[in-house]
Amino acid sequence: MELIKNELFLTLPPSYQKAVEKVEQEFRDIPETDHRAKRDILLEFSLKYLMIKELWDIYFFERFEFSNDCGFYASY
């Protein structure tokens, strides 16, 4: 799974690239519909790294999808 477009990915520092690759691997290891796990992975990442916009977009998408799975809608 490619979370960040390659042209942007290549401009990131090597340590950040490795961290993003780890997140991508963790995403591959969980079911596509496990929105809570994806959101939690990104939150954990954000505790160590400043998240770029593309990752925040994924976080909010997963948050919205998780809310829909629970039968209520996010109010943001």
PDB file of N, CA and C in Angstrom:
ATOM      1  N   MET A   1       0.845  -1.172   0.000  1.00  0.00           N
ATOM      2  CA  MET A   1       0.000   0.000   0.000  1.00  0.00           C
ATOM      3  C   MET A   1       0.889   1.233   0.000  1.00  0.00           C
ATOM      4  N   GLU A   2       0.630   2.115  -0.899  1.00  0.00           N
ATOM      5  CA  GLU A   2       1.389   3.356  -0.988  1.00  0.00           C
ATOM      6  C   GLU A   2       0.579   4.475  -0.332  1.00  0.00           C
ATOM      7  N   LEU A   3       1.053   4.952   0.801  1.00  0.00           N
ATOM      8  CA  LEU A   3       0.349   6.014   1.515  1.00  0.00           C
ATOM      9  C   LEU A   3       0.695   7.387   0.985  1.00  0.00           C
ATOM     10  N   ILE A   4       1.906   7.522   0.487  1.00  0.00           N
ATOM     11  CA  ILE A   4       2.403   8.807  -0.005  1.00  0.00           C
ATOM     12  C   ILE A   4       2.903   8.607  -1.430  1.00  0.00           C
ATOM     13  N   LYS A   5       2.588   9.551  -2.307  1.00  0.00           N
ATOM     14  CA  LYS A   5       3.063   9.458  -3.687  1.00  0.00           C
ATOM     15  C   LYS A   5       4.583   9.390  -3.694  1.00  0.00           C
ATOM     16  N   ASN A   6       5.109   8.614  -4.623  1.00  0.00           N
ATOM     17  CA  ASN A   6       6.537   8.348  -4.675  1.00  0.00           C
ATOM     18  C   ASN A   6       7.375   9.623  -4.809  1.00  0.00           C
ATOM     19  N   GLU A   7       6.921  10.578  -5.621  1.00  0.00           N
ATOM     20  CA  GLU A   7       7.715  11.798  -5.805  1.00  0.00           C
ATOM     21  C   GLU A   7       7.846  12.580  -4.491  1.00  0.00           C
ATOM     22  N   LEU A   8       6.829  12.566  -3.649  1.00  0.00           N
ATOM     23  CA  LEU A   8       6.922  13.200  -2.335  1.00  0.00           C
ATOM     24  C   LEU A   8       7.757  12.331  -1.394  1.00  0.00           C
ATOM     25  N   PHE A   9       7.517  11.050  -1.425  1.00  0.00           N
ATOM     26  CA  PHE A   9       8.245  10.115  -0.563  1.00  0.00           C
ATOM     27  C   PHE A   9       9.755  10.276  -0.722  1.00  0.00           C
ATOM     28  N   LEU A  10      10.218  10.415  -1.944  1.00  0.00           N
ATOM     29  CA  LEU A  10      11.649  10.510  -2.219  1.00  0.00           C
ATOM     30  C   LEU A  10      12.269  11.799  -1.683  1.00  0.00           C
ATOM     31  N   THR A  11      11.463  12.805  -1.407  1.00  0.00           N
ATOM     32  CA  THR A  11      11.984  14.067  -0.870  1.00  0.00           C
ATOM     33  C   THR A  11      12.099  14.043   0.657  1.00  0.00           C
ATOM     34  N   LEU A  12      11.553  13.018   1.282  1.00  0.00           N
ATOM     35  CA  LEU A  12      11.557  12.937   2.741  1.00  0.00           C
ATOM     36  C   LEU A  12      12.895  12.413   3.254  1.00  0.00           C
ATOM     37  N   PRO A  13      13.272  12.788   4.485  1.00  0.00           N
ATOM     38  CA  PRO A  13      14.507  12.254   5.069  1.00  0.00           C
ATOM     39  C   PRO A  13      14.438  10.726   5.192  1.00  0.00           C
ATOM     40  N   PRO A  14      15.583  10.059   5.094  1.00  0.00           N
ATOM     41  CA  PRO A  14      15.604   8.589   5.151  1.00  0.00           C
ATOM     42  C   PRO A  14      14.935   8.000   6.403  1.00  0.00           C
ATOM     43  N   SER A  15      15.119   8.624   7.546  1.00  0.00           N
ATOM     44  CA  SER A  15      14.503   8.078   8.769  1.00  0.00           C
ATOM     45  C   SER A  15      12.973   8.169   8.696  1.00  0.00           C
ATOM     46  N   TYR A  16      12.465   9.234   8.094  1.00  0.00           N
ATOM     47  CA  TYR A  16      11.015   9.395   7.931  1.00  0.00           C
ATOM     48  C   TYR A  16      10.499   8.382   6.913  1.00  0.00           C
ATOM     49  N   GLN A  17      11.268   8.173   5.838  1.00  0.00           N
ATOM     50  CA  GLN A  17      10.883   7.173   4.842  1.00  0.00           C
ATOM     51  C   GLN A  17      10.739   5.798   5.491  1.00  0.00           C
ATOM     52  N   LYS A  18      11.687   5.424   6.343  1.00  0.00           N
ATOM     53  CA  LYS A  18      11.617   4.123   7.015  1.00  0.00           C
ATOM     54  C   LYS A  18      10.387   4.033   7.904  1.00  0.00           C
ATOM     55  N   ALA A  19      10.076   5.120   8.593  1.00  0.00           N
ATOM     56  CA  ALA A  19       8.899   5.123   9.462  1.00  0.00           C
ATOM     57  C   ALA A  19       7.624   4.974   8.639  1.00  0.00           C
ATOM     58  N   VAL A  20       7.555   5.644   7.505  1.00  0.00           N
ATOM     59  CA  VAL A  20       6.381   5.529   6.627  1.00  0.00           C
ATOM     60  C   VAL A  20       6.283   4.114   6.077  1.00  0.00           C
ATOM     61  N   GLU A  21       7.403   3.528   5.700  1.00  0.00           N
ATOM     62  CA  GLU A  21       7.392   2.144   5.210  1.00  0.00           C
ATOM     63  C   GLU A  21       6.881   1.194   6.289  1.00  0.00           C
ATOM     64  N   LYS A  22       7.237   1.449   7.539  1.00  0.00           N
ATOM     65  CA  LYS A  22       6.738   0.624   8.639  1.00  0.00           C
ATOM     66  C   LYS A  22       5.217   0.754   8.766  1.00  0.00           C
ATOM     67  N   VAL A  23       4.709   1.975   8.653  1.00  0.00           N
ATOM     68  CA  VAL A  23       3.256   2.188   8.703  1.00  0.00           C
ATOM     69  C   VAL A  23       2.584   1.463   7.542  1.00  0.00           C
ATOM     70  N   GLU A  24       3.157   1.575   6.351  1.00  0.00           N
ATOM     71  CA  GLU A  24       2.591   0.878   5.192  1.00  0.00           C
ATOM     72  C   GLU A  24       2.540  -0.626   5.425  1.00  0.00           C
ATOM     73  N   GLN A  25       3.591  -1.186   6.017  1.00  0.00           N
ATOM     74  CA  GLN A  25       3.609  -2.623   6.316  1.00  0.00           C
ATOM     75  C   GLN A  25       2.536  -2.981   7.333  1.00  0.00           C
ATOM     76  N   GLU A  26       2.399  -2.161   8.358  1.00  0.00           N
ATOM     77  CA  GLU A  26       1.367  -2.421   9.365  1.00  0.00           C
ATOM     78  C   GLU A  26      -0.026  -2.356   8.739  1.00  0.00           C
ATOM     79  N   PHE A  27      -0.235  -1.431   7.813  1.00  0.00           N
ATOM     80  CA  PHE A  27      -1.521  -1.354   7.114  1.00  0.00           C
ATOM     81  C   PHE A  27      -1.771  -2.626   6.314  1.00  0.00           C
ATOM     82  N   ARG A  28      -0.723  -3.162   5.682  1.00  0.00           N
ATOM     83  CA  ARG A  28      -0.880  -4.400   4.892  1.00  0.00           C
ATOM     84  C   ARG A  28      -1.222  -5.592   5.775  1.00  0.00           C
ATOM     85  N   ASP A  29      -0.781  -5.551   7.030  1.00  0.00           N
ATOM     86  CA  ASP A  29      -0.967  -6.683   7.937  1.00  0.00           C
ATOM     87  C   ASP A  29      -2.349  -6.730   8.597  1.00  0.00           C
ATOM     88  N   ILE A  30      -3.157  -5.708   8.406  1.00  0.00           N
ATOM     89  CA  ILE A  30      -4.485  -5.689   9.026  1.00  0.00           C
ATOM     90  C   ILE A  30      -5.561  -5.695   7.947  1.00  0.00           C
ATOM     91  N   PRO A  31      -6.765  -6.139   8.284  1.00  0.00           N
ATOM     92  CA  PRO A  31      -7.847  -6.151   7.295  1.00  0.00           C
ATOM     93  C   PRO A  31      -8.163  -4.747   6.781  1.00  0.00           C
ATOM     94  N   GLU A  32      -8.535  -4.677   5.531  1.00  0.00           N
ATOM     95  CA  GLU A  32      -8.872  -3.400   4.885  1.00  0.00           C
ATOM     96  C   GLU A  32      -9.952  -2.638   5.645  1.00  0.00           C
ATOM     97  N   THR A  33     -10.861  -3.350   6.275  1.00  0.00           N
ATOM     98  CA  THR A  33     -11.995  -2.706   6.953  1.00  0.00           C
ATOM     99  C   THR A  33     -11.721  -2.368   8.420  1.00  0.00           C
ATOM    100  N   ASP A  34     -10.533  -2.629   8.899  1.00  0.00           N
ATOM    101  CA  ASP A  34     -10.212  -2.342  10.302  1.00  0.00           C
ATOM    102  C   ASP A  34      -9.754  -0.886  10.433  1.00  0.00           C
ATOM    103  N   HIS A  35     -10.716   0.015  10.361  1.00  0.00           N
ATOM    104  CA  HIS A  35     -10.439   1.453  10.364  1.00  0.00           C
ATOM    105  C   HIS A  35      -9.883   1.921  11.706  1.00  0.00           C
ATOM    106  N   ARG A  36     -10.324   1.319  12.782  1.00  0.00           N
ATOM    107  CA  ARG A  36      -9.807   1.708  14.100  1.00  0.00           C
ATOM    108  C   ARG A  36      -8.314   1.409  14.194  1.00  0.00           C
ATOM    109  N   ALA A  37      -7.896   0.243  13.737  1.00  0.00           N
ATOM    110  CA  ALA A  37      -6.475  -0.122  13.799  1.00  0.00           C
ATOM    111  C   ALA A  37      -5.639   0.830  12.942  1.00  0.00           C
ATOM    112  N   LYS A  38      -6.126   1.169  11.765  1.00  0.00           N
ATOM    113  CA  LYS A  38      -5.394   2.103  10.897  1.00  0.00           C
ATOM    114  C   LYS A  38      -5.263   3.464  11.563  1.00  0.00           C
ATOM    115  N   ARG A  39      -6.346   3.929  12.139  1.00  0.00           N
ATOM    116  CA  ARG A  39      -6.326   5.221  12.836  1.00  0.00           C
ATOM    117  C   ARG A  39      -5.328   5.168  13.992  1.00  0.00           C
ATOM    118  N   ASP A  40      -5.345   4.083  14.748  1.00  0.00           N
ATOM    119  CA  ASP A  40      -4.437   3.952  15.888  1.00  0.00           C
ATOM    120  C   ASP A  40      -2.972   3.901  15.450  1.00  0.00           C
ATOM    121  N   ILE A  41      -2.695   3.244  14.341  1.00  0.00           N
ATOM    122  CA  ILE A  41      -1.329   3.192  13.806  1.00  0.00           C
ATOM    123  C   ILE A  41      -0.850   4.602  13.472  1.00  0.00           C
ATOM    124  N   LEU A  42      -1.710   5.380  12.831  1.00  0.00           N
ATOM    125  CA  LEU A  42      -1.324   6.749  12.476  1.00  0.00           C
ATOM    126  C   LEU A  42      -1.175   7.637  13.704  1.00  0.00           C
ATOM    127  N   LEU A  43      -2.011   7.433  14.707  1.00  0.00           N
ATOM    128  CA  LEU A  43      -1.863   8.209  15.939  1.00  0.00           C
ATOM    129  C   LEU A  43      -0.543   7.893  16.628  1.00  0.00           C
ATOM    130  N   GLU A  44      -0.183   6.626  16.652  1.00  0.00           N
ATOM    131  CA  GLU A  44       1.095   6.229  17.248  1.00  0.00           C
ATOM    132  C   GLU A  44       2.255   6.866  16.479  1.00  0.00           C
ATOM    133  N   PHE A  45       2.153   6.852  15.162  1.00  0.00           N
ATOM    134  CA  PHE A  45       3.169   7.489  14.319  1.00  0.00           C
ATOM    135  C   PHE A  45       3.280   8.973  14.649  1.00  0.00           C
ATOM    136  N   SER A  46       2.144   9.630  14.856  1.00  0.00           N
ATOM    137  CA  SER A  46       2.136  11.078  15.108  1.00  0.00           C
ATOM    138  C   SER A  46       2.759  11.447  16.452  1.00  0.00           C
ATOM    139  N   LEU A  47       2.880  10.491  17.355  1.00  0.00           N
ATOM    140  CA  LEU A  47       3.530  10.762  18.635  1.00  0.00           C
ATOM    141  C   LEU A  47       5.041  10.895  18.479  1.00  0.00           C
ATOM    142  N   LYS A  48       5.576  10.320  17.404  1.00  0.00           N
ATOM    143  CA  LYS A  48       7.026  10.331  17.187  1.00  0.00           C
ATOM    144  C   LYS A  48       7.455  11.255  16.054  1.00  0.00           C
ATOM    145  N   TYR A  49       6.554  11.476  15.106  1.00  0.00           N
ATOM    146  CA  TYR A  49       6.894  12.238  13.904  1.00  0.00           C
ATOM    147  C   TYR A  49       5.811  13.283  13.622  1.00  0.00           C
ATOM    148  N   LEU A  50       6.240  14.369  13.020  1.00  0.00           N
ATOM    149  CA  LEU A  50       5.297  15.355  12.520  1.00  0.00           C
ATOM    150  C   LEU A  50       4.657  14.757  11.272  1.00  0.00           C
ATOM    151  N   MET A  51       3.344  14.643  11.268  1.00  0.00           N
ATOM    152  CA  MET A  51       2.687  13.998  10.125  1.00  0.00           C
ATOM    153  C   MET A  51       2.446  15.012   9.011  1.00  0.00           C
ATOM    154  N   ILE A  52       2.781  14.605   7.806  1.00  0.00           N
ATOM    155  CA  ILE A  52       2.509  15.445   6.651  1.00  0.00           C
ATOM    156  C   ILE A  52       1.020  15.359   6.315  1.00  0.00           C
ATOM    157  N   LYS A  53       0.557  16.315   5.526  1.00  0.00           N
ATOM    158  CA  LYS A  53      -0.868  16.423   5.195  1.00  0.00           C
ATOM    159  C   LYS A  53      -1.447  15.119   4.652  1.00  0.00           C
ATOM    160  N   GLU A  54      -0.708  14.433   3.800  1.00  0.00           N
ATOM    161  CA  GLU A  54      -1.209  13.202   3.190  1.00  0.00           C
ATOM    162  C   GLU A  54      -1.550  12.146   4.240  1.00  0.00           C
ATOM    163  N   LEU A  55      -0.763  12.070   5.287  1.00  0.00           N
ATOM    164  CA  LEU A  55      -1.059  11.100   6.346  1.00  0.00           C
ATOM    165  C   LEU A  55      -2.245  11.547   7.191  1.00  0.00           C
ATOM    166  N   TRP A  56      -2.358  12.851   7.443  1.00  0.00           N
ATOM    167  CA  TRP A  56      -3.531  13.342   8.167  1.00  0.00           C
ATOM    168  C   TRP A  56      -4.802  13.082   7.357  1.00  0.00           C
ATOM    169  N   ASP A  57      -4.732  13.248   6.050  1.00  0.00           N
ATOM    170  CA  ASP A  57      -5.905  12.957   5.204  1.00  0.00           C
ATOM    171  C   ASP A  57      -6.350  11.510   5.378  1.00  0.00           C
ATOM    172  N   ILE A  58      -5.395  10.591   5.419  1.00  0.00           N
ATOM    173  CA  ILE A  58      -5.723   9.178   5.612  1.00  0.00           C
ATOM    174  C   ILE A  58      -6.324   8.970   7.001  1.00  0.00           C
ATOM    175  N   TYR A  59      -5.731   9.608   7.997  1.00  0.00           N
ATOM    176  CA  TYR A  59      -6.250   9.491   9.369  1.00  0.00           C
ATOM    177  C   TYR A  59      -7.710   9.916   9.434  1.00  0.00           C
ATOM    178  N   PHE A  60      -8.026  11.087   8.870  1.00  0.00           N
ATOM    179  CA  PHE A  60      -9.408  11.567   8.946  1.00  0.00           C
ATOM    180  C   PHE A  60     -10.349  10.712   8.117  1.00  0.00           C
ATOM    181  N   PHE A  61      -9.887  10.168   6.997  1.00  0.00           N
ATOM    182  CA  PHE A  61     -10.707   9.244   6.227  1.00  0.00           C
ATOM    183  C   PHE A  61     -11.022   8.002   7.065  1.00  0.00           C
ATOM    184  N   GLU A  62     -10.011   7.436   7.714  1.00  0.00           N
ATOM    185  CA  GLU A  62     -10.223   6.239   8.536  1.00  0.00           C
ATOM    186  C   GLU A  62     -11.124   6.557   9.728  1.00  0.00           C
ATOM    187  N   ARG A  63     -10.972   7.739  10.293  1.00  0.00           N
ATOM    188  CA  ARG A  63     -11.822   8.141  11.410  1.00  0.00           C
ATOM    189  C   ARG A  63     -13.282   8.213  10.963  1.00  0.00           C
ATOM    190  N   PHE A  64     -13.504   8.801   9.802  1.00  0.00           N
ATOM    191  CA  PHE A  64     -14.862   8.907   9.270  1.00  0.00           C
ATOM    192  C   PHE A  64     -15.421   7.523   8.951  1.00  0.00           C
ATOM    193  N   GLU A  65     -14.617   6.668   8.334  1.00  0.00           N
ATOM    194  CA  GLU A  65     -15.076   5.314   8.006  1.00  0.00           C
ATOM    195  C   GLU A  65     -15.385   4.533   9.277  1.00  0.00           C
ATOM    196  N   PHE A  66     -14.552   4.663  10.306  1.00  0.00           N
ATOM    197  CA  PHE A  66     -14.805   3.986  11.571  1.00  0.00           C
ATOM    198  C   PHE A  66     -16.119   4.479  12.173  1.00  0.00           C
ATOM    199  N   SER A  67     -16.353   5.776  12.126  1.00  0.00           N
ATOM    200  CA  SER A  67     -17.591   6.341  12.665  1.00  0.00           C
ATOM    201  C   SER A  67     -18.801   5.774  11.939  1.00  0.00           C
ATOM    202  N   ASN A  68     -18.693   5.645  10.628  1.00  0.00           N
ATOM    203  CA  ASN A  68     -19.804   5.085   9.856  1.00  0.00           C
ATOM    204  C   ASN A  68     -20.032   3.619  10.198  1.00  0.00           C
ATOM    205  N   ASP A  69     -18.964   2.884  10.445  1.00  0.00           N
ATOM    206  CA  ASP A  69     -19.090   1.473  10.817  1.00  0.00           C
ATOM    207  C   ASP A  69     -19.801   1.313  12.156  1.00  0.00           C
ATOM    208  N   CYS A  70     -19.693   2.301  13.021  1.00  0.00           N
ATOM    209  CA  CYS A  70     -20.285   2.231  14.354  1.00  0.00           C
ATOM    210  C   CYS A  70     -21.734   2.717  14.378  1.00  0.00           C
ATOM    211  N   GLY A  71     -22.201   3.229  13.260  1.00  0.00           N
ATOM    212  CA  GLY A  71     -23.577   3.675  13.213  1.00  0.00           C
ATOM    213  C   GLY A  71     -23.786   5.123  13.636  1.00  0.00           C
ATOM    214  N   PHE A  72     -22.718   5.882  13.757  1.00  0.00           N
ATOM    215  CA  PHE A  72     -22.863   7.312  14.013  1.00  0.00           C
ATOM    216  C   PHE A  72     -21.878   8.061  13.135  1.00  0.00           C
ATOM    217  N   TYR A  73     -22.092   9.341  13.018  1.00  0.00           N
ATOM    218  CA  TYR A  73     -21.281  10.141  12.128  1.00  0.00           C
ATOM    219  C   TYR A  73     -20.411  11.104  12.899  1.00  0.00           C
ATOM    220  N   ALA A  74     -19.197  11.261  12.420  1.00  0.00           N
ATOM    221  CA  ALA A  74     -18.265  12.201  13.051  1.00  0.00           C
ATOM    222  C   ALA A  74     -18.780  13.619  12.835  1.00  0.00           C
ATOM    223  N   SER A  75     -18.613  14.440  13.843  1.00  0.00           N
ATOM    224  CA  SER A  75     -19.078  15.834  13.721  1.00  0.00           C
ATOM    225  C   SER A  75     -17.873  16.768  13.710  1.00  0.00           C
ATOM    226  N   TYR A  76     -17.246  16.830  12.572  1.00  0.00           N
ATOM    227  CA  TYR A  76     -16.133  17.759  12.420  1.00  0.00           C
ATOM    228  C   TYR A  76     -16.276  18.520  11.156  1.00  0.00           C
TER     229      TYR A  76
END
